[in-house]
Amino acid sequence: MEFIIVYITTSGTVEARNIASELVSRGLVACVNMYPIRSVFMWEGEVNEDDEVVLFAKTTRNNFEPVRELVRSIHSYELPAIVSWDIEGDPEFLEWIRTSVSH
């Protein structure tokens, strides 16, 4: 698959907006959707629960590594969730993604 969604968790709205703006302005992704979530997770041997904001970034497979590297460099978490999955969709929408990213 050529197109992907990159899923990224963030500490809150301010960080989410900062990361989203950086990704879009640098041409690494075409669009980012932000959603408030509640996460329950294991960290350092303890169960934690926090409010977070998750990002869904639309881009091409070739951009995953540059996206991952940028997010790791500006993210507040020691180990942010940065995962992707392949997508299919309306050909015109996918073409918009392709023409909106610079890599």
Protein backbone atom coordinates (compact mmCIF):
# COMPACT_ATOMS: atom_id res chain seq x y z
CA MET A 1 0.00 0.00 0.00
CA GLU A 2 1.15 3.47 -0.78
CA PHE A 3 -1.02 5.45 1.65
CA ILE A 4 -1.01 5.27 5.43
CA ILE A 5 -2.55 6.72 8.56
CA VAL A 6 -0.01 7.50 11.28
CA TYR A 7 -1.44 7.21 14.81
CA ILE A 8 0.31 9.39 17.41
CA THR A 9 -0.67 9.93 21.05
CA THR A 10 0.12 13.28 22.69
CA SER A 11 -0.08 14.78 26.17
CA GLY A 12 -2.80 17.28 25.28
CA THR A 13 -4.21 19.86 22.91
CA VAL A 14 -1.21 22.20 22.89
CA GLU A 15 1.28 19.46 22.04
CA ALA A 16 -1.13 17.90 19.52
CA ARG A 17 -1.56 21.20 17.68
CA ASN A 18 2.19 21.83 17.68
CA ILE A 19 3.00 18.40 16.24
CA ALA A 20 0.16 18.58 13.70
CA SER A 21 1.23 22.04 12.52
CA GLU A 22 4.85 20.95 12.14
CA LEU A 23 3.91 17.84 10.16
CA VAL A 24 1.60 19.71 7.78
CA SER A 25 3.80 22.80 7.33
CA ARG A 26 6.83 20.65 6.49
CA GLY A 27 4.86 18.77 3.85
CA LEU A 28 5.18 15.42 5.62
CA VAL A 29 1.43 14.83 5.91
CA ALA A 30 -1.63 16.10 4.06
CA CYS A 31 -3.95 16.38 7.05
CA VAL A 32 -4.10 15.62 10.77
CA ASN A 33 -7.26 14.85 12.75
CA MET A 34 -7.15 15.33 16.55
CA TYR A 35 -9.35 13.50 19.05
CA PRO A 36 -9.43 13.64 22.87
CA ILE A 37 -9.05 10.17 24.40
CA ARG A 38 -8.62 8.49 27.79
CA SER A 39 -5.75 5.97 27.87
CA VAL A 40 -5.02 3.17 30.32
CA PHE A 41 -1.49 1.83 29.96
CA MET A 42 1.38 0.06 31.68
CA TRP A 43 4.43 2.23 32.38
CA GLU A 44 7.40 1.27 34.53
CA GLY A 45 5.50 -1.62 36.10
CA GLU A 46 2.42 0.38 37.07
CA VAL A 47 -1.01 0.86 35.53
CA ASN A 48 -1.57 4.50 34.59
CA GLU A 49 -4.57 6.40 33.26
CA ASP A 50 -4.39 9.78 31.51
CA ASP A 51 -6.27 12.11 29.22
CA GLU A 52 -4.47 12.42 25.89
CA VAL A 53 -5.07 13.71 22.38
CA VAL A 54 -4.53 11.25 19.54
CA LEU A 55 -3.49 12.33 16.06
CA PHE A 56 -4.44 10.58 12.83
CA ALA A 57 -2.09 11.85 10.12
CA LYS A 58 -2.71 11.04 6.44
CA THR A 59 0.40 10.58 4.32
CA THR A 60 2.33 8.22 2.06
CA ARG A 61 4.31 5.15 3.11
CA ASN A 62 7.56 6.87 2.05
CA ASN A 63 6.96 9.58 4.65
CA PHE A 64 6.65 7.31 7.68
CA GLU A 65 10.31 7.53 8.75
CA PRO A 66 10.54 11.34 8.38
CA VAL A 67 7.25 11.67 10.32
CA ARG A 68 8.52 9.34 13.06
CA GLU A 69 11.84 11.18 13.32
CA LEU A 70 10.21 14.62 13.56
CA VAL A 71 7.65 13.49 16.13
CA ARG A 72 10.33 11.85 18.30
CA SER A 73 12.42 15.05 18.17
CA ILE A 74 9.63 17.37 19.42
CA HIS A 75 7.43 15.07 21.54
CA SER A 76 7.32 15.39 25.33
CA TYR A 77 6.97 11.63 25.93
CA GLU A 78 10.00 9.43 26.45
CA LEU A 79 8.31 6.77 24.29
CA PRO A 80 5.47 8.21 22.19
CA ALA A 81 3.13 5.87 20.34
CA ILE A 82 3.88 6.31 16.64
CA VAL A 83 2.36 3.53 14.54
CA SER A 84 0.88 3.30 11.07
CA TRP A 85 -1.47 1.23 9.00
CA ASP A 86 -2.13 1.02 5.28
CA ILE A 87 -5.28 2.61 3.91
CA GLU A 88 -7.36 2.43 0.76
CA GLY A 89 -9.93 4.97 -0.27
CA ASP A 90 -11.53 7.18 -2.84
CA PRO A 91 -8.98 7.59 -5.66
CA GLU A 92 -9.45 11.36 -5.80
CA PHE A 93 -8.89 11.69 -2.04
CA LEU A 94 -5.77 9.53 -2.21
CA GLU A 95 -4.49 11.66 -5.08
CA TRP A 96 -5.06 14.74 -2.91
CA ILE A 97 -2.87 13.15 -0.21
CA ARG A 98 -0.19 12.38 -2.80
CA THR A 99 -0.15 15.95 -4.17
CA SER A 100 -0.31 17.55 -0.70
CA VAL A 101 2.87 15.97 0.65
CA SER A 102 6.30 17.00 -0.54
CA HIS A 103 8.15 13.70 -0.19
